[in-house]
């Protein structure tokens, strides 16, 4: 689920920004729990939760490391989609 996807993305190293996009049928409690988990697992990262307005119960999580390698963002940057 979404909590597992968040843990995988955050387990790869420090994060600068964590974005959680929630579809219309995702309960507020799920979004709040994901935000709390992201804040607890990161130090100083900006955590943003945004509703998409799309129908459904999908959650999209994006993690940016903020580390530059001279070409672009760190290879760990990524996102995963999971049902709530």
C-alpha atoms as a PDB file:
ATOM      1  CA  UNK A   1       0.000   0.000   0.000  1.00  0.00           C
ATOM      2  CA  UNK A   2       0.885   3.659   0.174  1.00  0.00           C
ATOM      3  CA  UNK A   3       2.703   3.346   3.513  1.00  0.00           C
ATOM      4  CA  UNK A   4       4.983   0.650   2.056  1.00  0.00           C
ATOM      5  CA  UNK A   5       5.708   2.772  -1.021  1.00  0.00           C
ATOM      6  CA  UNK A   6       6.569   5.740   1.197  1.00  0.00           C
ATOM      7  CA  UNK A   7       8.912   3.611   3.308  1.00  0.00           C
ATOM      8  CA  UNK A   8      10.697   2.295   0.185  1.00  0.00           C
ATOM      9  CA  UNK A   9      11.196   5.774  -1.235  1.00  0.00           C
ATOM     10  CA  UNK A  10      12.389   7.261   2.053  1.00  0.00           C
ATOM     11  CA  UNK A  11      14.646   4.297   2.835  1.00  0.00           C
ATOM     12  CA  UNK A  12      17.056   5.174   0.032  1.00  0.00           C
ATOM     13  CA  UNK A  13      18.498   8.253   1.731  1.00  0.00           C
ATOM     14  CA  UNK A  14      17.762  11.789   2.851  1.00  0.00           C
ATOM     15  CA  UNK A  15      14.833  13.603   1.278  1.00  0.00           C
ATOM     16  CA  UNK A  16      14.395  17.336   0.658  1.00  0.00           C
ATOM     17  CA  UNK A  17      10.767  17.247  -0.504  1.00  0.00           C
ATOM     18  CA  UNK A  18       8.068  14.602  -0.088  1.00  0.00           C
ATOM     19  CA  UNK A  19       4.868  15.119  -2.092  1.00  0.00           C
ATOM     20  CA  UNK A  20       1.747  13.042  -1.464  1.00  0.00           C
ATOM     21  CA  UNK A  21      -1.066  13.370  -4.028  1.00  0.00           C
ATOM     22  CA  UNK A  22      -4.391  11.893  -2.942  1.00  0.00           C
ATOM     23  CA  UNK A  23      -7.408  11.060  -5.093  1.00  0.00           C
ATOM     24  CA  UNK A  24     -10.925  12.058  -4.032  1.00  0.00           C
ATOM     25  CA  UNK A  25     -11.824   8.850  -2.166  1.00  0.00           C
ATOM     26  CA  UNK A  26      -8.696   8.728   0.014  1.00  0.00           C
ATOM     27  CA  UNK A  27      -9.764   9.384   3.613  1.00  0.00           C
ATOM     28  CA  UNK A  28      -8.207  12.436   5.263  1.00  0.00           C
ATOM     29  CA  UNK A  29      -6.904  10.145   8.018  1.00  0.00           C
ATOM     30  CA  UNK A  30      -4.829   8.208   5.451  1.00  0.00           C
ATOM     31  CA  UNK A  31      -3.341  11.406   4.034  1.00  0.00           C
ATOM     32  CA  UNK A  32      -2.596  12.656   7.555  1.00  0.00           C
ATOM     33  CA  UNK A  33      -0.949   9.351   8.506  1.00  0.00           C
ATOM     34  CA  UNK A  34       1.258   9.416   5.392  1.00  0.00           C
ATOM     35  CA  UNK A  35       2.296  13.006   6.111  1.00  0.00           C
ATOM     36  CA  UNK A  36       3.101  12.133   9.730  1.00  0.00           C
ATOM     37  CA  UNK A  37       5.131   9.096   8.643  1.00  0.00           C
ATOM     38  CA  UNK A  38       7.084  11.188   6.129  1.00  0.00           C
ATOM     39  CA  UNK A  39       7.801  13.874   8.720  1.00  0.00           C
ATOM     40  CA  UNK A  40       8.912  11.266  11.266  1.00  0.00           C
ATOM     41  CA  UNK A  41      11.222   9.532   8.770  1.00  0.00           C
ATOM     42  CA  UNK A  42      12.900  12.682   7.458  1.00  0.00           C
ATOM     43  CA  UNK A  43      14.823  15.543   9.000  1.00  0.00           C
ATOM     44  CA  UNK A  44      14.077  18.965   7.613  1.00  0.00           C
ATOM     45  CA  UNK A  45      12.217  17.737   4.536  1.00  0.00           C
ATOM     46  CA  UNK A  46       9.271  19.691   3.239  1.00  0.00           C
ATOM     47  CA  UNK A  47       6.200  17.431   3.278  1.00  0.00           C
ATOM     48  CA  UNK A  48       3.305  18.470   1.030  1.00  0.00           C
ATOM     49  CA  UNK A  49      -0.069  16.709   0.767  1.00  0.00           C
ATOM     50  CA  UNK A  50      -2.309  17.785  -2.110  1.00  0.00           C
ATOM     51  CA  UNK A  51      -5.719  16.456  -3.191  1.00  0.00           C
ATOM     52  CA  UNK A  52      -5.882  15.729  -6.926  1.00  0.00           C
ATOM     53  CA  UNK A  53      -9.649  15.881  -7.268  1.00  0.00           C
ATOM     54  CA  UNK A  54      -9.475  12.741  -9.431  1.00  0.00           C
ATOM     55  CA  UNK A  55     -12.054  10.046  -8.688  1.00  0.00           C
ATOM     56  CA  UNK A  56     -10.685   6.956  -6.990  1.00  0.00           C
ATOM     57  CA  UNK A  57      -8.565   5.972  -4.013  1.00  0.00           C
ATOM     58  CA  UNK A  58      -5.088   6.275  -5.506  1.00  0.00           C
ATOM     59  CA  UNK A  59      -2.107   7.873  -3.809  1.00  0.00           C
ATOM     60  CA  UNK A  60       0.955   9.128  -5.688  1.00  0.00           C
ATOM     61  CA  UNK A  61       4.109   9.751  -3.654  1.00  0.00           C
ATOM     62  CA  UNK A  62       7.089  11.665  -4.968  1.00  0.00           C
ATOM     63  CA  UNK A  63      10.417  12.050  -3.156  1.00  0.00           C
ATOM     64  CA  UNK A  64      13.139  14.463  -4.183  1.00  0.00           C
ATOM     65  CA  UNK A  65      16.563  14.296  -2.622  1.00  0.00           C
ATOM     66  CA  UNK A  66      17.687  17.805  -3.527  1.00  0.00           C
ATOM     67  CA  UNK A  67      21.169  16.411  -4.228  1.00  0.00           C
ATOM     68  CA  UNK A  68      22.700  17.667  -7.453  1.00  0.00           C
ATOM     69  CA  UNK A  69      25.157  15.456  -9.321  1.00  0.00           C
ATOM     70  CA  UNK A  70      26.110  17.972 -11.995  1.00  0.00           C
ATOM     71  CA  UNK A  71      23.558  16.629 -14.448  1.00  0.00           C
ATOM     72  CA  UNK A  72      20.292  16.662 -12.561  1.00  0.00           C
ATOM     73  CA  UNK A  73      18.654  15.376  -9.447  1.00  0.00           C
ATOM     74  CA  UNK A  74      19.872  12.338  -7.565  1.00  0.00           C
ATOM     75  CA  UNK A  75      18.985   8.999  -9.163  1.00  0.00           C
ATOM     76  CA  UNK A  76      16.940   8.114  -6.074  1.00  0.00           C
ATOM     77  CA  UNK A  77      14.340  10.705  -7.014  1.00  0.00           C
ATOM     78  CA  UNK A  78      11.158   8.913  -7.938  1.00  0.00           C
ATOM     79  CA  UNK A  79       7.551   8.316  -7.303  1.00  0.00           C
ATOM     80  CA  UNK A  80       5.260   5.417  -6.701  1.00  0.00           C
ATOM     81  CA  UNK A  81       1.544   4.960  -6.969  1.00  0.00           C
ATOM     82  CA  UNK A  82      -0.471   2.842  -4.590  1.00  0.00           C
ATOM     83  CA  UNK A  83      -4.036   2.469  -3.430  1.00  0.00           C
ATOM     84  CA  UNK A  84      -4.926   3.918  -0.062  1.00  0.00           C
END
